[in-house]
Protein backbone atom coordinates (compact mmCIF):
# COMPACT_ATOMS: atom_id res chain seq x y z
CA MET A 1 126.65 91.50 131.25
CA ILE A 2 126.64 94.33 128.73
CA ARG A 3 125.04 93.44 125.44
CA ASP A 4 126.56 94.37 122.13
CA LEU A 5 125.92 97.97 121.00
CA ARG A 6 124.30 96.68 117.83
CA ASP A 7 121.70 94.75 119.83
CA ARG A 8 121.01 97.55 122.31
CA ALA A 9 120.64 100.15 119.58
CA ALA A 10 118.53 97.86 117.40
CA GLU A 11 116.20 97.17 120.33
CA ALA A 12 115.94 100.92 120.98
CA MET A 13 115.10 101.55 117.32
CA ARG A 14 112.42 98.86 117.43
CA GLU A 15 110.89 100.25 120.60
CA ALA A 16 110.99 103.81 119.19
CA ARG A 17 109.25 102.61 116.04
CA ILE A 18 106.54 100.31 117.40
CA GLY A 19 106.58 100.95 121.14
CA ARG A 20 107.09 98.41 123.86
CA THR A 21 105.07 95.35 123.07
CA ARG A 22 104.33 92.13 124.84
CA PHE A 23 106.54 90.45 122.24
CA GLY A 24 109.82 91.88 123.44
CA TRP A 25 113.28 91.79 121.94
CA GLY A 26 113.71 88.10 122.64
CA ARG A 27 110.62 87.24 120.58
CA CYS A 28 111.08 89.34 117.43
CA ASP A 29 113.09 89.26 114.20
CA GLN A 30 116.22 90.74 115.74
CA GLU A 31 118.33 90.53 112.60
CA GLU A 32 116.01 92.86 110.69
CA TRP A 33 116.46 95.53 113.37
CA ARG A 34 120.22 94.96 113.53
CA ARG A 35 120.45 95.58 109.78
CA ALA A 36 118.40 98.76 110.23
CA PHE A 37 120.90 99.92 112.86
CA ASP A 38 123.81 99.13 110.52
CA ALA A 39 122.15 101.27 107.85
CA PHE A 40 121.67 104.06 110.41
CA VAL A 41 125.39 103.96 111.29
CA ARG A 42 126.33 104.17 107.59
CA LEU A 43 123.98 107.13 107.11
CA GLY A 44 125.44 108.82 110.18
CA SER A 45 128.95 108.38 108.82
CA ARG A 46 127.92 109.96 105.53
CA LEU A 47 126.16 112.84 107.30
CA GLY A 48 129.02 113.51 109.70
CA PHE A 49 128.03 111.89 112.98
CA GLN A 50 128.73 108.62 114.69
CA VAL A 51 127.17 106.45 117.36
CA VAL A 52 129.37 106.13 120.43
CA ASP A 53 129.01 103.27 122.89
CA THR A 54 129.12 104.46 126.50
CA CYS A 55 129.09 100.85 127.73
CA THR A 56 126.23 101.52 130.11
CA GLU A 57 122.94 99.74 129.97
CA THR A 58 120.26 100.18 132.57
CA PRO A 59 118.09 97.09 132.72
CA ARG A 60 114.37 97.59 132.46
CA PRO A 61 112.82 97.78 135.94
CA ALA A 62 111.11 94.70 137.19
CA GLY A 63 107.36 94.64 136.97
CA PRO A 64 105.32 95.19 140.11
CA GLY A 65 105.31 92.32 142.57
CA VAL A 66 101.74 92.75 143.81
CA PRO A 67 98.64 92.02 141.71
CA THR A 68 97.30 95.61 141.88
CA ILE A 69 99.55 97.78 139.75
CA TYR A 70 97.67 101.08 139.57
CA THR A 71 95.02 102.77 141.68
CA LEU A 72 93.20 106.09 141.49
CA ASN A 73 90.00 107.66 142.74
CA ASP A 74 86.90 107.42 140.58
CA ALA A 75 86.16 110.81 138.99
CA ARG A 76 82.44 110.51 139.75
CA ASP A 77 82.60 109.28 143.34
CA GLY A 78 85.52 110.04 145.67
CA SER A 79 84.68 107.10 147.92
CA VAL A 80 85.30 104.66 145.05
CA GLU A 81 88.77 103.62 144.02
CA ARG A 82 89.55 102.10 140.61
CA SER A 83 92.43 99.67 140.29
CA ILE A 84 94.13 97.70 137.53
CA ARG A 85 94.94 94.20 138.69
CA CYS A 86 96.73 91.20 137.20
CA ASP A 87 94.63 88.09 137.68
CA GLY A 88 97.38 85.81 136.35
CA ALA A 89 97.66 83.66 133.24
CA GLY A 90 97.30 86.65 130.94
CA SER A 91 94.12 88.04 132.47
CA TRP A 92 93.76 91.61 133.73
CA SER A 93 90.87 93.41 135.38
CA VAL A 94 89.72 96.87 136.31
CA VAL A 95 88.18 96.77 139.78
CA ALA A 96 86.13 99.34 141.69
CA THR A 97 86.39 99.33 145.47
CA LYS A 98 84.00 101.40 147.57
CA HIS A 99 85.57 102.72 150.76
CA ASP A 100 83.93 103.91 153.93
CA SER A 101 85.57 106.07 156.57
CA ARG A 102 84.72 103.42 159.18
CA ALA A 103 85.94 100.38 157.22
CA ALA A 104 88.86 99.73 154.89
CA SER A 105 86.60 98.65 152.04
CA ILE A 106 82.97 97.70 151.92
CA ASP A 107 82.40 96.58 148.36
CA THR A 108 84.61 95.39 145.51
CA LYS A 109 83.29 94.92 141.99
CA THR A 110 85.07 93.85 138.79
CA LEU A 111 84.19 96.38 136.10
CA LEU A 112 86.11 94.81 133.24
CA ALA A 113 88.21 91.71 132.61
CA PHE A 114 90.43 91.42 129.53
CA THR A 115 93.71 90.18 128.09
CA LEU A 116 96.35 92.36 126.46
CA ALA A 117 95.77 90.44 123.22
CA GLU A 118 92.11 91.53 123.28
CA ALA A 119 93.15 95.13 123.98
CA ASP A 120 95.61 95.00 121.05
CA LEU A 121 92.88 93.75 118.71
CA ASP A 122 90.54 96.50 119.89
CA CYS A 123 93.29 99.08 119.29
CA ASP A 124 93.74 97.75 115.76
CA ARG A 125 90.01 98.04 115.12
CA ILE A 126 89.97 101.61 116.42
CA LEU A 127 93.00 102.60 114.35
CA ALA A 128 91.52 100.97 111.25
CA GLY A 129 88.43 103.14 111.65
CA ASP A 130 86.07 100.22 112.21
CA PRO A 131 82.70 101.83 113.02
CA ALA A 132 81.77 98.86 115.22
CA ALA A 133 84.72 99.62 117.54
CA LYS A 134 82.67 102.23 119.37
CA ASP A 135 80.22 99.50 120.40
CA ILE A 136 82.86 97.37 122.18
CA LYS A 137 82.01 97.30 125.89
CA SER A 138 84.35 99.62 127.86
CA VAL A 139 86.81 99.86 124.98
CA LEU A 140 88.34 103.14 126.18
CA THR A 141 88.87 101.76 129.68
CA LYS A 142 90.45 98.60 128.23
CA VAL A 143 92.82 100.52 125.94
CA ALA A 144 93.77 102.96 128.71
CA ALA A 145 94.42 100.10 131.15
CA ALA A 146 96.59 98.28 128.58
CA ASN A 147 98.59 101.48 128.12
CA VAL A 148 99.20 101.74 131.88
CA ILE A 149 100.15 98.05 132.07
CA ARG A 150 102.81 98.50 129.41
CA MET A 151 103.97 101.86 130.78
CA LEU A 152 104.64 100.22 134.15
CA ASN A 153 106.37 97.23 132.54
CA ALA A 154 103.77 95.00 134.16
CA GLU A 155 103.02 92.82 131.14
CA THR A 156 105.71 90.44 132.40
CA MET A 157 103.38 89.61 135.33
CA GLU A 158 101.23 87.62 132.90
CA LEU A 159 103.87 84.93 132.70
CA LYS A 160 103.71 84.10 136.40
């Protein structure tokens, strides 16, 4: 099913303006964004361009199917691997796993557990210039992990 151009363009305008959020197109004030698209089309007409519908829409890729969505080596110790993992019911964690050449893994430790709502609040505090934001435990790791979660379209895993 191909959605109406007005809806697709309005969703694109919303995502360009505020980024992809956990409150997607189905959970926002769609009509406000549709009106903004209508205004854009009128401006384009006045300025000599038009929006053309190619009738193609590529659906957003499905989120990862496994709980670990991202893994990389720790910058301080090459034998340690850091991973971002969905723990279900809205909870995420950053996990460190120590590897040994003789065994697959010898030690796993949760470094940080958080929800995307907590990460969003921390981002707001940082952007507002709250001096106490620097004292939030692992705030940079939390914000970076939330960015990766959204970049990989993994926030939908929370609903499972």
